[in-house]
């Protein structure tokens, strides 16, 4: 079963694209950082991303979700982010790469856990703030460039999913996957 990553800045629309792909029968794996933030908030930590342990907490949840996908899944699997995104987050936040993060990124690249083609969902030109998403539009553009640079340096081919209607974005992903599978 092919496994593809959707990456990009917070609020770009990755999760919306995934929801639409899910309705057409694809398997999707949820993003971990938002849930790690929600748990930290519930435990009384207001800005968990400022703590270096946050990166490894996100990574651990990503790995559990990745491992929960049955090997017998007959459908293409789409991941809302990957450990490479977590590396980009660590870099964006100015943290050194933790040993756990370095090992996991090395593992997913060496083992080919994900297809070498990833989808870079471009920002929509705005960011809606949420409890977990407190990034400004200006900062999100910087973060988007960090994602792009990180994926490319690890040898991923990025397919740009430009801003636009949701159906068009999901259709672009599907067409690209079909083309790649031939």
Protein backbone atom coordinates (compact mmCIF):
# COMPACT_ATOMS: atom_id res chain seq x y z
CA UNK A 1 0.00 0.00 0.00
CA UNK A 2 1.49 3.36 -0.95
CA UNK A 3 1.84 5.92 1.85
CA UNK A 4 1.91 9.61 1.04
CA UNK A 5 2.49 12.62 3.28
CA UNK A 6 0.62 15.90 3.09
CA UNK A 7 2.78 18.66 4.51
CA UNK A 8 2.63 22.42 4.76
CA UNK A 9 2.10 25.25 7.14
CA UNK A 10 -0.58 25.27 9.86
CA UNK A 11 -3.95 26.24 8.45
CA UNK A 12 -3.04 25.49 4.83
CA UNK A 13 -5.92 23.03 4.47
CA UNK A 14 -4.14 19.67 4.77
CA UNK A 15 -6.74 18.21 7.09
CA UNK A 16 -9.59 19.36 4.83
CA UNK A 17 -7.94 17.68 1.84
CA UNK A 18 -7.53 14.52 3.92
CA UNK A 19 -11.17 14.57 4.99
CA UNK A 20 -12.23 14.68 1.34
CA UNK A 21 -9.80 11.89 0.41
CA UNK A 22 -11.20 9.83 3.27
CA UNK A 23 -14.74 10.17 1.92
CA UNK A 24 -13.56 8.59 -1.34
CA UNK A 25 -12.25 5.47 0.42
CA UNK A 26 -8.65 6.35 1.17
CA UNK A 27 -7.13 5.60 4.53
CA UNK A 28 -5.94 8.70 6.38
CA UNK A 29 -3.75 9.11 9.44
CA UNK A 30 -4.37 12.11 11.66
CA UNK A 31 -1.84 14.80 12.44
CA UNK A 32 -0.27 14.49 15.91
CA UNK A 33 0.84 17.98 16.96
CA UNK A 34 -2.67 19.37 17.42
CA UNK A 35 -3.58 16.47 19.71
CA UNK A 36 -0.32 16.81 21.64
CA UNK A 37 -1.11 20.51 22.12
CA UNK A 38 -4.68 19.75 23.24
CA UNK A 39 -3.43 17.26 25.82
CA UNK A 40 -0.83 19.71 27.11
CA UNK A 41 -3.51 22.40 27.40
CA UNK A 42 -5.72 19.99 29.33
CA UNK A 43 -2.78 19.39 31.67
CA UNK A 44 -2.42 23.14 32.23
CA UNK A 45 0.53 23.87 29.93
CA UNK A 46 -0.37 26.99 27.93
CA UNK A 47 2.42 27.02 25.31
CA UNK A 48 3.72 23.43 25.14
CA UNK A 49 5.66 24.01 21.92
CA UNK A 50 8.10 26.15 23.91
CA UNK A 51 9.29 23.04 25.76
CA UNK A 52 11.84 20.89 23.91
CA UNK A 53 10.09 17.73 25.10
CA UNK A 54 7.09 18.72 22.97
CA UNK A 55 8.87 17.62 19.78
CA UNK A 56 9.44 14.09 21.11
CA UNK A 57 5.83 13.93 22.39
CA UNK A 58 4.56 14.73 18.88
CA UNK A 59 6.99 12.24 17.39
CA UNK A 60 5.88 9.45 19.75
CA UNK A 61 2.22 10.00 18.83
CA UNK A 62 3.07 10.10 15.12
CA UNK A 63 4.88 6.78 15.43
CA UNK A 64 1.97 5.15 17.28
CA UNK A 65 -0.44 6.32 14.58
CA UNK A 66 1.90 5.20 11.81
CA UNK A 67 2.27 1.76 13.40
CA UNK A 68 -1.51 1.43 13.83
CA UNK A 69 -2.10 1.33 10.07
CA UNK A 70 -2.61 -2.34 9.21
CA UNK A 71 -0.07 -3.65 6.71
CA UNK A 72 -2.98 -5.25 4.85
CA UNK A 73 -4.75 -1.94 4.17
CA UNK A 74 -5.63 -2.19 0.47
CA UNK A 75 -5.98 1.55 -0.07
CA UNK A 76 -3.51 4.35 -0.54
CA UNK A 77 -2.74 5.85 2.87
CA UNK A 78 -2.40 9.59 3.35
CA UNK A 79 -0.63 10.99 6.40
CA UNK A 80 -1.35 14.43 7.81
CA UNK A 81 2.33 15.22 8.44
CA UNK A 82 5.28 12.96 9.19
CA UNK A 83 8.44 12.91 11.31
CA UNK A 84 10.03 15.07 8.59
CA UNK A 85 7.42 17.73 9.46
CA UNK A 86 8.39 17.33 13.11
CA UNK A 87 12.02 17.94 12.12
CA UNK A 88 10.88 21.09 10.30
CA UNK A 89 8.97 22.16 13.42
CA UNK A 90 12.02 21.58 15.60
CA UNK A 91 14.13 23.68 13.24
CA UNK A 92 11.50 26.42 13.04
CA UNK A 93 11.35 26.59 16.84
CA UNK A 94 15.15 26.78 17.01
CA UNK A 95 15.56 23.53 18.93
CA UNK A 96 18.46 21.16 18.37
CA UNK A 97 17.40 17.90 16.78
CA UNK A 98 16.76 15.42 19.58
CA UNK A 99 18.37 11.98 19.30
CA UNK A 100 14.89 10.40 19.10
CA UNK A 101 13.89 12.70 16.24
CA UNK A 102 17.14 12.11 14.38
CA UNK A 103 16.73 8.32 14.65
CA UNK A 104 13.10 8.41 13.53
CA UNK A 105 13.77 10.64 10.52
CA UNK A 106 16.71 8.42 9.55
CA UNK A 107 14.49 5.35 9.92
CA UNK A 108 11.57 6.60 7.83
CA UNK A 109 13.93 7.73 5.07
CA UNK A 110 16.10 4.57 5.10
CA UNK A 111 13.13 2.19 5.27
CA UNK A 112 11.08 4.12 2.71
CA UNK A 113 8.16 4.28 5.13
CA UNK A 114 6.59 6.97 2.95
CA UNK A 115 6.64 7.39 -0.80
CA UNK A 116 9.40 9.74 -1.99
CA UNK A 117 6.70 12.03 -3.36
CA UNK A 118 5.06 14.23 -0.75
CA UNK A 119 2.34 16.83 -1.21
CA UNK A 120 3.16 20.39 -0.15
CA UNK A 121 -0.21 21.97 0.56
CA UNK A 122 0.38 25.68 0.04
CA UNK A 123 -1.09 28.26 2.36
CA UNK A 124 -4.44 29.81 1.49
CA UNK A 125 -3.27 33.37 2.12
CA UNK A 126 -4.64 33.52 5.67
CA UNK A 127 -4.39 31.69 8.98
CA UNK A 128 -7.35 31.10 11.28
CA UNK A 129 -6.26 31.09 14.89
CA UNK A 130 -7.32 28.19 17.08
CA UNK A 131 -6.30 27.03 20.53
CA UNK A 132 -3.50 25.04 18.91
CA UNK A 133 -2.75 27.31 15.95
CA UNK A 134 -1.41 30.66 17.11
CA UNK A 135 0.95 31.39 14.25
CA UNK A 136 0.78 34.63 12.27
CA UNK A 137 0.49 34.63 8.49
CA UNK A 138 4.02 36.04 8.21
CA UNK A 139 5.44 33.33 10.46
CA UNK A 140 3.46 30.64 8.65
CA UNK A 141 5.18 31.61 5.40
CA UNK A 142 8.57 31.20 7.08
CA UNK A 143 7.45 27.85 8.48
CA UNK A 144 6.24 26.78 5.01
CA UNK A 145 9.73 27.45 3.60
CA UNK A 146 11.31 25.43 6.43
CA UNK A 147 9.03 22.49 5.55
CA UNK A 148 9.91 22.74 1.90
CA UNK A 149 13.65 22.95 2.55
CA UNK A 150 13.58 20.05 5.04
CA UNK A 151 11.71 17.69 2.72
CA UNK A 152 13.89 18.54 -0.26
CA UNK A 153 17.17 18.08 1.65
CA UNK A 154 16.00 14.59 2.63
CA UNK A 155 15.40 13.69 -1.02
CA UNK A 156 11.62 13.99 -1.24
CA UNK A 157 9.98 15.20 -4.43
CA UNK A 158 7.35 17.76 -3.56
CA UNK A 159 4.14 18.15 -5.51
CA UNK A 160 2.72 21.58 -4.89
CA UNK A 161 -0.96 21.72 -4.04
CA UNK A 162 -1.80 25.38 -4.65
CA UNK A 163 -4.42 27.40 -2.85
CA UNK A 164 -7.85 26.90 -4.33
CA UNK A 165 -11.13 25.08 -3.91
CA UNK A 166 -10.96 21.98 -1.76
CA UNK A 167 -12.27 19.65 -4.47
CA UNK A 168 -9.56 20.85 -6.88
CA UNK A 169 -6.85 20.30 -4.30
CA UNK A 170 -8.00 16.76 -3.50
CA UNK A 171 -8.38 15.98 -7.20
CA UNK A 172 -4.79 17.08 -7.84
CA UNK A 173 -3.59 14.70 -5.13
CA UNK A 174 -5.62 11.82 -6.59
CA UNK A 175 -4.47 12.48 -10.17
CA UNK A 176 -0.86 12.62 -9.07
CA UNK A 177 -1.12 9.35 -7.14
CA UNK A 178 -2.76 7.66 -10.14
CA UNK A 179 0.00 8.92 -12.44
CA UNK A 180 2.70 7.73 -10.04
CA UNK A 181 1.18 4.26 -9.72
CA UNK A 182 1.35 3.59 -13.46
